[in-house]
Amino acid sequence: MSENKNIDPANYESLKCIWMSSNTVEYKLCDKNFDCDNCVFDKSMRNIYTAPENVPDENKYIPKNIIRKKTDFLRTIKFSPGIHYLNNSIVLKKLFDRTYYLGLDKPAYLFLDNMTGYEFLNSESGVKKGDALLKLTGEWGEAKVLSPIDLTIVDKLKHNVEDLGVNAWLSLVEANSEEINNSEFAEKEYMCNIDHLKIKLYEFENQFDFLGTRMKDGGIEVKFLYQAVGIRKYNEFLKSLFSNKC
């Protein structure tokens, strides 16, 4: 995976500014190595899409602000040496020999709005690559996380759901180090994936006609991403995060 051609500097698609990739502008190639925080063009575009100060009801823009807060958080994520970043938002950290901590990466917790529970699946025997490893549940339904490699669960670490964003390690597992090394993302590839998540959020913001602080179906107050974009779209997005059969 570290040799992914999609991040080749000569690849036209990889040079597109996130505003071009989201079809907000017709043509703009990135000349800042996707350092959006220090890009004058990005700051200008964000100002254009910010609600005018003279709008009296700021709550009208709450759904869009939900998306922009997530985008701002994605900008803070850094690649951490010593962490193995795998497909389906799985991360590992070596404890000793063949034993690793297993958890979900920061973007996963960012997008799991209002999660109410989680459980391990197929944990009594070894989990094969592509098998369901975790089931995550919330008001939006459920999402299954597929294992990106063969592994065996040694111990499950118990957490309150509300603490998961802080205490990310969910279990201890045994896995083959060579398989991990062959499957993990290199830094450039992982950060490219973060950029793709930013683009997806911009697409959400531009594709949907947000009606304000309440949804069409029953006047429910909008507090979470799945309420803003709809449960179907939200679940499709979670599937792309957790269930890519590579």
C-alpha atoms as a PDB file:
ATOM      1  CA  MET A   1       0.000   0.000   0.000  1.00  0.00           C
ATOM      2  CA  SER A   2       2.918   2.311   0.587  1.00  0.00           C
ATOM      3  CA  GLU A   3       3.577   2.326  -3.162  1.00  0.00           C
ATOM      4  CA  ASN A   4       0.116   3.700  -3.999  1.00  0.00           C
ATOM      5  CA  LYS A   5       0.244   5.334  -7.439  1.00  0.00           C
ATOM      6  CA  ASN A   6      -2.621   7.643  -6.607  1.00  0.00           C
ATOM      7  CA  ILE A   7      -0.283   9.857  -4.621  1.00  0.00           C
ATOM      8  CA  ASP A   8       2.342  10.102  -7.373  1.00  0.00           C
ATOM      9  CA  PRO A   9       3.287  13.810  -7.659  1.00  0.00           C
ATOM     10  CA  ALA A  10       2.816  13.536 -11.446  1.00  0.00           C
ATOM     11  CA  ASN A  11      -0.759  12.312 -11.095  1.00  0.00           C
ATOM     12  CA  TYR A  12      -3.147  15.086 -12.158  1.00  0.00           C
ATOM     13  CA  GLU A  13      -5.882  14.041  -9.723  1.00  0.00           C
ATOM     14  CA  SER A  14      -3.481  14.205  -6.781  1.00  0.00           C
ATOM     15  CA  LEU A  15      -2.588  17.817  -7.627  1.00  0.00           C
ATOM     16  CA  LYS A  16      -6.130  19.142  -7.517  1.00  0.00           C
ATOM     17  CA  CYS A  17      -6.858  21.674  -4.794  1.00  0.00           C
ATOM     18  CA  ILE A  18      -9.530  20.373  -2.417  1.00  0.00           C
ATOM     19  CA  TRP A  19     -11.828  23.167  -3.689  1.00  0.00           C
ATOM     20  CA  MET A  20     -11.406  21.885  -7.259  1.00  0.00           C
ATOM     21  CA  SER A  21     -11.881  18.256  -6.211  1.00  0.00           C
ATOM     22  CA  SER A  22     -15.170  19.164  -4.552  1.00  0.00           C
ATOM     23  CA  ASN A  23     -16.280  20.997  -7.761  1.00  0.00           C
ATOM     24  CA  THR A  24     -16.516  24.310  -5.917  1.00  0.00           C
ATOM     25  CA  VAL A  25     -14.076  25.949  -8.345  1.00  0.00           C
ATOM     26  CA  GLU A  26     -13.524  24.912 -11.945  1.00  0.00           C
ATOM     27  CA  TYR A  27      -9.717  24.868 -11.942  1.00  0.00           C
ATOM     28  CA  LYS A  28      -7.133  25.183  -9.164  1.00  0.00           C
ATOM     29  CA  LEU A  29      -4.088  22.967  -8.629  1.00  0.00           C
ATOM     30  CA  CYS A  30      -2.498  22.931  -5.194  1.00  0.00           C
ATOM     31  CA  ASP A  31       0.876  24.658  -4.968  1.00  0.00           C
ATOM     32  CA  LYS A  32       1.102  24.462  -1.158  1.00  0.00           C
ATOM     33  CA  ASN A  33       1.522  20.690  -0.735  1.00  0.00           C
ATOM     34  CA  PHE A  34      -2.006  20.659   0.783  1.00  0.00           C
ATOM     35  CA  ASP A  35      -0.919  22.872   3.680  1.00  0.00           C
ATOM     36  CA  CYS A  36      -4.374  24.464   3.764  1.00  0.00           C
ATOM     37  CA  ASP A  37      -3.722  26.240   7.066  1.00  0.00           C
ATOM     38  CA  ASN A  38      -1.143  28.472   5.355  1.00  0.00           C
ATOM     39  CA  CYS A  39      -2.924  28.879   2.013  1.00  0.00           C
ATOM     40  CA  VAL A  40      -4.266  32.348   1.152  1.00  0.00           C
ATOM     41  CA  PHE A  41      -6.629  30.883  -1.438  1.00  0.00           C
ATOM     42  CA  ASP A  42      -8.152  28.477   1.095  1.00  0.00           C
ATOM     43  CA  LYS A  43      -8.643  31.278   3.628  1.00  0.00           C
ATOM     44  CA  SER A  44     -10.343  33.392   0.949  1.00  0.00           C
ATOM     45  CA  MET A  45     -12.657  30.571  -0.050  1.00  0.00           C
ATOM     46  CA  ARG A  46     -13.579  29.801   3.537  1.00  0.00           C
ATOM     47  CA  ASN A  47     -14.447  33.461   4.092  1.00  0.00           C
ATOM     48  CA  ILE A  48     -16.721  33.355   1.053  1.00  0.00           C
ATOM     49  CA  TYR A  49     -18.580  30.366   2.448  1.00  0.00           C
ATOM     50  CA  THR A  50     -18.856  31.775   5.979  1.00  0.00           C
ATOM     51  CA  ALA A  51     -22.214  33.203   7.001  1.00  0.00           C
ATOM     52  CA  PRO A  52     -22.283  37.053   6.883  1.00  0.00           C
ATOM     53  CA  GLU A  53     -21.979  38.709  10.264  1.00  0.00           C
ATOM     54  CA  ASN A  54     -25.166  40.692   9.766  1.00  0.00           C
ATOM     55  CA  VAL A  55     -27.333  37.566   9.632  1.00  0.00           C
ATOM     56  CA  PRO A  56     -29.299  37.751  12.898  1.00  0.00           C
ATOM     57  CA  ASP A  57     -30.071  34.041  13.299  1.00  0.00           C
ATOM     58  CA  GLU A  58     -26.699  32.274  13.551  1.00  0.00           C
ATOM     59  CA  ASN A  59     -28.462  29.005  14.371  1.00  0.00           C
ATOM     60  CA  LYS A  60     -29.474  28.822  10.716  1.00  0.00           C
ATOM     61  CA  TYR A  61     -25.909  27.774   9.914  1.00  0.00           C
ATOM     62  CA  ILE A  62     -25.459  25.160  12.643  1.00  0.00           C
ATOM     63  CA  PRO A  63     -25.522  22.136  10.250  1.00  0.00           C
ATOM     64  CA  LYS A  64     -22.770  23.649   8.105  1.00  0.00           C
ATOM     65  CA  ASN A  65     -20.798  24.500  11.216  1.00  0.00           C
ATOM     66  CA  ILE A  66     -21.011  20.834  12.266  1.00  0.00           C
ATOM     67  CA  ILE A  67     -19.204  19.944   9.046  1.00  0.00           C
ATOM     68  CA  ARG A  68     -16.669  22.760   9.283  1.00  0.00           C
ATOM     69  CA  LYS A  69     -15.703  21.846  12.845  1.00  0.00           C
ATOM     70  CA  LYS A  70     -14.898  18.354  11.638  1.00  0.00           C
ATOM     71  CA  THR A  71     -12.895  19.775   8.753  1.00  0.00           C
ATOM     72  CA  ASP A  72     -10.928  21.972  11.153  1.00  0.00           C
ATOM     73  CA  PHE A  73     -10.194  18.951  13.348  1.00  0.00           C
ATOM     74  CA  LEU A  74      -8.921  16.974  10.348  1.00  0.00           C
ATOM     75  CA  ARG A  75      -6.413  19.779   9.734  1.00  0.00           C
ATOM     76  CA  THR A  76      -4.860  19.121  13.158  1.00  0.00           C
ATOM     77  CA  ILE A  77      -4.247  15.392  12.615  1.00  0.00           C
ATOM     78  CA  LYS A  78      -0.595  14.412  12.261  1.00  0.00           C
ATOM     79  CA  PHE A  79       1.072  11.150  11.315  1.00  0.00           C
ATOM     80  CA  SER A  80       2.542   9.560  14.467  1.00  0.00           C
ATOM     81  CA  PRO A  81       5.724   7.454  14.175  1.00  0.00           C
ATOM     82  CA  GLY A  82       5.350   4.172  16.032  1.00  0.00           C
ATOM     83  CA  ILE A  83       1.687   3.802  15.045  1.00  0.00           C
ATOM     84  CA  HIS A  84       0.744   1.367  12.300  1.00  0.00           C
ATOM     85  CA  TYR A  85      -2.076   2.864  10.203  1.00  0.00           C
ATOM     86  CA  LEU A  86      -4.060   0.160   8.413  1.00  0.00           C
ATOM     87  CA  ASN A  87      -7.088   0.017   6.177  1.00  0.00           C
ATOM     88  CA  ASN A  88     -10.633   0.448   7.561  1.00  0.00           C
ATOM     89  CA  SER A  89      -9.469   3.014  10.145  1.00  0.00           C
ATOM     90  CA  ILE A  90      -7.614   0.416  12.232  1.00  0.00           C
ATOM     91  CA  VAL A  91      -4.438   1.439  14.079  1.00  0.00           C
ATOM     92  CA  LEU A  92      -1.930  -0.741  15.918  1.00  0.00           C
ATOM     93  CA  LYS A  93       0.871   0.014  18.360  1.00  0.00           C
ATOM     94  CA  LYS A  94       3.447  -2.627  19.243  1.00  0.00           C
ATOM     95  CA  LEU A  95       3.586  -3.739  22.861  1.00  0.00           C
ATOM     96  CA  PHE A  96       6.088  -6.598  22.598  1.00  0.00           C
ATOM     97  CA  ASP A  97       6.945  -9.435  20.184  1.00  0.00           C
ATOM     98  CA  ARG A  98       3.751 -10.230  18.219  1.00  0.00           C
ATOM     99  CA  THR A  99       1.429  -8.378  20.594  1.00  0.00           C
ATOM    100  CA  TYR A 100      -0.124  -5.007  19.704  1.00  0.00           C
ATOM    101  CA  TYR A 101      -2.674  -2.534  20.981  1.00  0.00           C
ATOM    102  CA  LEU A 102      -5.582  -2.202  18.541  1.00  0.00           C
ATOM    103  CA  GLY A 103      -7.863   0.800  18.144  1.00  0.00           C
ATOM    104  CA  LEU A 104      -9.557   3.105  15.668  1.00  0.00           C
ATOM    105  CA  ASP A 105      -7.791   6.154  14.313  1.00  0.00           C
ATOM    106  CA  LYS A 106      -8.750   9.747  15.161  1.00  0.00           C
ATOM    107  CA  PRO A 107     -10.832  10.408  12.012  1.00  0.00           C
ATOM    108  CA  ALA A 108     -12.981   7.365  12.860  1.00  0.00           C
ATOM    109  CA  TYR A 109     -13.869   8.754  16.288  1.00  0.00           C
ATOM    110  CA  LEU A 110     -14.442  12.171  14.712  1.00  0.00           C
ATOM    111  CA  PHE A 111     -17.104  10.790  12.386  1.00  0.00           C
ATOM    112  CA  LEU A 112     -18.786   8.403  14.834  1.00  0.00           C
ATOM    113  CA  ASP A 113     -21.412  10.863  16.009  1.00  0.00           C
ATOM    114  CA  ASN A 114     -23.507   9.857  18.990  1.00  0.00           C
ATOM    115  CA  MET A 115     -22.193   6.283  19.181  1.00  0.00           C
ATOM    116  CA  THR A 116     -23.984   4.260  21.854  1.00  0.00           C
ATOM    117  CA  GLY A 117     -22.017   0.992  21.924  1.00  0.00           C
ATOM    118  CA  TYR A 118     -19.491  -1.356  20.358  1.00  0.00           C
ATOM    119  CA  GLU A 119     -18.689  -5.055  20.482  1.00  0.00           C
ATOM    120  CA  PHE A 120     -16.107  -7.431  19.051  1.00  0.00           C
ATOM    121  CA  LEU A 121     -17.266 -10.039  16.548  1.00  0.00           C
ATOM    122  CA  ASN A 122     -15.712 -13.438  15.749  1.00  0.00           C
ATOM    123  CA  SER A 123     -13.282 -12.948  18.615  1.00  0.00           C
ATOM    124  CA  GLU A 124     -13.236 -16.472  20.023  1.00  0.00           C
ATOM    125  CA  SER A 125     -11.068 -17.741  17.191  1.00  0.00           C
ATOM    126  CA  GLY A 126      -8.608 -15.913  14.993  1.00  0.00           C
ATOM    127  CA  VAL A 127     -10.025 -13.110  12.862  1.00  0.00           C
ATOM    128  CA  LYS A 128      -9.198 -13.393   9.177  1.00  0.00           C
ATOM    129  CA  LYS A 129      -8.513 -10.487   6.837  1.00  0.00           C
ATOM    130  CA  GLY A 130     -11.862  -9.204   5.572  1.00  0.00           C
ATOM    131  CA  ASP A 131     -13.846 -10.684   8.489  1.00  0.00           C
ATOM    132  CA  ALA A 132     -16.070  -8.476  10.637  1.00  0.00           C
ATOM    133  CA  LEU A 133     -13.984  -7.408  13.629  1.00  0.00           C
ATOM    134  CA  LEU A 134     -16.138  -4.793  15.373  1.00  0.00           C
ATOM    135  CA  LYS A 135     -19.770  -3.726  15.380  1.00  0.00           C
ATOM    136  CA  LEU A 136     -20.431  -0.067  16.179  1.00  0.00           C
ATOM    137  CA  THR A 137     -23.929   1.120  17.027  1.00  0.00           C
ATOM    138  CA  GLY A 138     -25.676   4.460  17.370  1.00  0.00           C
ATOM    139  CA  GLU A 139     -28.935   6.264  16.707  1.00  0.00           C
ATOM    140  CA  TRP A 140     -27.978   6.072  13.020  1.00  0.00           C
ATOM    141  CA  GLY A 141     -27.914   2.250  13.026  1.00  0.00           C
ATOM    142  CA  GLU A 142     -24.825   0.045  12.995  1.00  0.00           C
ATOM    143  CA  ALA A 143     -21.525  -0.198  11.144  1.00  0.00           C
ATOM    144  CA  LYS A 144     -19.185  -3.161  10.924  1.00  0.00           C
ATOM    145  CA  VAL A 145     -15.414  -2.737  10.887  1.00  0.00           C
ATOM    146  CA  LEU A 146     -13.657  -5.328   8.739  1.00  0.00           C
ATOM    147  CA  SER A 147     -10.237  -6.570   9.802  1.00  0.00           C
ATOM    148  CA  PRO A 148      -7.467  -5.432   7.409  1.00  0.00           C
ATOM    149  CA  ILE A 149      -5.186  -8.339   8.417  1.00  0.00           C
ATOM    150  CA  ASP A 150      -5.261 -11.743  10.105  1.00  0.00           C
ATOM    151  CA  LEU A 151      -5.148 -11.336  13.890  1.00  0.00           C
ATOM    152  CA  THR A 152      -6.075 -12.940  17.199  1.00  0.00           C
ATOM    153  CA  ILE A 153      -7.707 -10.998  20.024  1.00  0.00           C
ATOM    154  CA  VAL A 154      -5.794 -11.579  23.254  1.00  0.00           C
ATOM    155  CA  ASP A 155      -7.706  -9.274  25.589  1.00  0.00           C
ATOM    156  CA  LYS A 156     -10.550  -6.775  25.273  1.00  0.00           C
ATOM    157  CA  LEU A 157     -10.047  -3.433  27.001  1.00  0.00           C
ATOM    158  CA  LYS A 158     -13.237  -2.079  28.510  1.00  0.00           C
ATOM    159  CA  HIS A 159     -14.173   1.567  28.013  1.00  0.00           C
ATOM    160  CA  ASN A 160     -17.213   3.710  28.433  1.00  0.00           C
ATOM    161  CA  VAL A 161     -18.364   4.772  24.979  1.00  0.00           C
ATOM    162  CA  GLU A 162     -17.973   8.459  25.838  1.00  0.00           C
ATOM    163  CA  ASP A 163     -14.275   7.877  26.656  1.00  0.00           C
ATOM    164  CA  LEU A 164     -13.331   6.234  23.372  1.00  0.00           C
ATOM    165  CA  GLY A 165     -12.080   9.408  21.741  1.00  0.00           C
ATOM    166  CA  VAL A 166      -9.516   9.736  24.540  1.00  0.00           C
ATOM    167  CA  ASN A 167      -8.708   6.088  25.287  1.00  0.00           C
ATOM    168  CA  ALA A 168      -8.491   4.798  21.739  1.00  0.00           C
ATOM    169  CA  TRP A 169      -7.080   1.314  22.403  1.00  0.00           C
ATOM    170  CA  LEU A 170      -9.845  -1.269  22.332  1.00  0.00           C
ATOM    171  CA  SER A 171      -7.952  -4.540  22.696  1.00  0.00           C
ATOM    172  CA  LEU A 172      -4.682  -6.417  22.692  1.00  0.00           C
ATOM    173  CA  VAL A 173      -4.103  -8.562  19.614  1.00  0.00           C
ATOM    174  CA  GLU A 174      -1.484 -10.875  18.210  1.00  0.00           C
ATOM    175  CA  ALA A 175      -0.523 -10.392  14.572  1.00  0.00           C
ATOM    176  CA  ASN A 176       2.279 -11.112  12.130  1.00  0.00           C
ATOM    177  CA  SER A 177       4.643  -8.124  11.969  1.00  0.00           C
ATOM    178  CA  GLU A 178       5.517  -8.795   8.324  1.00  0.00           C
ATOM    179  CA  GLU A 179       1.855  -8.723   7.318  1.00  0.00           C
ATOM    180  CA  ILE A 180       1.396  -5.470   9.246  1.00  0.00           C
ATOM    181  CA  ASN A 181       4.387  -3.867   7.532  1.00  0.00           C
ATOM    182  CA  ASN A 182       3.109  -4.940   4.114  1.00  0.00           C
ATOM    183  CA  SER A 183      -0.372  -3.569   4.798  1.00  0.00           C
ATOM    184  CA  GLU A 184       0.243  -0.259   6.564  1.00  0.00           C
ATOM    185  CA  PHE A 185       0.004   3.190   5.054  1.00  0.00           C
ATOM    186  CA  ALA A 186       3.110   5.293   4.564  1.00  0.00           C
ATOM    187  CA  GLU A 187       2.923   8.853   5.949  1.00  0.00           C
ATOM    188  CA  LYS A 188       2.268  10.504   2.586  1.00  0.00           C
ATOM    189  CA  GLU A 189      -0.443   8.011   1.734  1.00  0.00           C
ATOM    190  CA  TYR A 190      -2.157   8.378   5.112  1.00  0.00           C
ATOM    191  CA  MET A 191      -2.165  12.175   4.918  1.00  0.00           C
ATOM    192  CA  CYS A 192      -3.557  11.902   1.392  1.00  0.00           C
ATOM    193  CA  ASN A 193      -6.436   9.894   2.873  1.00  0.00           C
ATOM    194  CA  ILE A 194      -7.027  12.712   5.366  1.00  0.00           C
ATOM    195  CA  ASP A 195      -7.246  15.158   2.450  1.00  0.00           C
ATOM    196  CA  HIS A 196      -9.840  12.921   0.794  1.00  0.00           C
ATOM    197  CA  LEU A 197     -11.931  13.079   3.975  1.00  0.00           C
ATOM    198  CA  LYS A 198     -11.772  16.874   3.875  1.00  0.00           C
ATOM    199  CA  ILE A 199     -12.968  16.765   0.274  1.00  0.00           C
ATOM    200  CA  LYS A 200     -15.864  14.514   1.264  1.00  0.00           C
ATOM    201  CA  LEU A 201     -16.932  16.995   3.922  1.00  0.00           C
ATOM    202  CA  TYR A 202     -16.845  19.837   1.390  1.00  0.00           C
ATOM    203  CA  GLU A 203     -19.006  17.682  -0.878  1.00  0.00           C
ATOM    204  CA  PHE A 204     -21.487  17.144   1.943  1.00  0.00           C
ATOM    205  CA  GLU A 205     -21.619  20.869   2.555  1.00  0.00           C
ATOM    206  CA  ASN A 206     -22.232  21.694  -1.109  1.00  0.00           C
ATOM    207  CA  GLN A 207     -24.608  18.859  -2.030  1.00  0.00           C
ATOM    208  CA  PHE A 208     -27.246  19.278   0.625  1.00  0.00           C
ATOM    209  CA  ASP A 209     -29.719  22.079   1.177  1.00  0.00           C
ATOM    210  CA  PHE A 210     -29.527  22.556   4.927  1.00  0.00           C
ATOM    211  CA  LEU A 211     -32.758  23.915   6.306  1.00  0.00           C
ATOM    212  CA  GLY A 212     -31.431  25.247   9.591  1.00  0.00           C
ATOM    213  CA  THR A 213     -31.471  23.804  13.055  1.00  0.00           C
ATOM    214  CA  ARG A 214     -34.330  21.379  12.361  1.00  0.00           C
ATOM    215  CA  MET A 215     -34.768  18.501   9.935  1.00  0.00           C
ATOM    216  CA  LYS A 216     -37.632  18.150   7.458  1.00  0.00           C
ATOM    217  CA  ASP A 217     -38.894  14.933   9.022  1.00  0.00           C
ATOM    218  CA  GLY A 218     -40.435  15.837  12.346  1.00  0.00           C
ATOM    219  CA  GLY A 219     -38.560  18.988  13.333  1.00  0.00           C
ATOM    220  CA  ILE A 220     -35.663  17.229  15.084  1.00  0.00           C
ATOM    221  CA  GLU A 221     -32.880  19.552  16.199  1.00  0.00           C
ATOM    222  CA  VAL A 222     -29.726  19.063  14.139  1.00  0.00           C
ATOM    223  CA  LYS A 223     -26.734  18.297  16.353  1.00  0.00           C
ATOM    224  CA  PHE A 224     -24.871  15.575  14.455  1.00  0.00           C
ATOM    225  CA  LEU A 225     -23.522  14.905  10.984  1.00  0.00           C
ATOM    226  CA  TYR A 226     -25.948  12.039  10.304  1.00  0.00           C
ATOM    227  CA  GLN A 227     -28.857  14.398  10.950  1.00  0.00           C
ATOM    228  CA  ALA A 228     -27.424  17.017   8.619  1.00  0.00           C
ATOM    229  CA  VAL A 229     -26.699  14.727   5.652  1.00  0.00           C
ATOM    230  CA  GLY A 230     -29.278  12.001   6.264  1.00  0.00           C
ATOM    231  CA  ILE A 231     -28.864   8.531   7.760  1.00  0.00           C
ATOM    232  CA  ARG A 232     -28.525   6.773   4.390  1.00  0.00           C
ATOM    233  CA  LYS A 233     -25.662   8.982   3.216  1.00  0.00           C
ATOM    234  CA  TYR A 234     -24.065   8.835   6.636  1.00  0.00           C
ATOM    235  CA  ASN A 235     -24.099   5.031   6.695  1.00  0.00           C
ATOM    236  CA  GLU A 236     -22.654   4.897   3.181  1.00  0.00           C
ATOM    237  CA  PHE A 237     -19.850   7.129   4.408  1.00  0.00           C
ATOM    238  CA  LEU A 238     -19.176   4.933   7.460  1.00  0.00           C
ATOM    239  CA  LYS A 239     -19.060   1.875   5.203  1.00  0.00           C
ATOM    240  CA  SER A 240     -16.335   3.523   3.134  1.00  0.00           C
ATOM    241  CA  LEU A 241     -14.354   4.143   6.350  1.00  0.00           C
ATOM    242  CA  PHE A 242     -14.671   0.694   7.904  1.00  0.00           C
ATOM    243  CA  SER A 243     -15.503  -1.897   5.258  1.00  0.00           C
ATOM    244  CA  ASN A 244     -13.080  -1.586   2.373  1.00  0.00           C
ATOM    245  CA  LYS A 245     -12.211  -5.138   1.319  1.00  0.00           C
ATOM    246  CA  CYS A 246      -8.606  -4.753   0.195  1.00  0.00           C
END
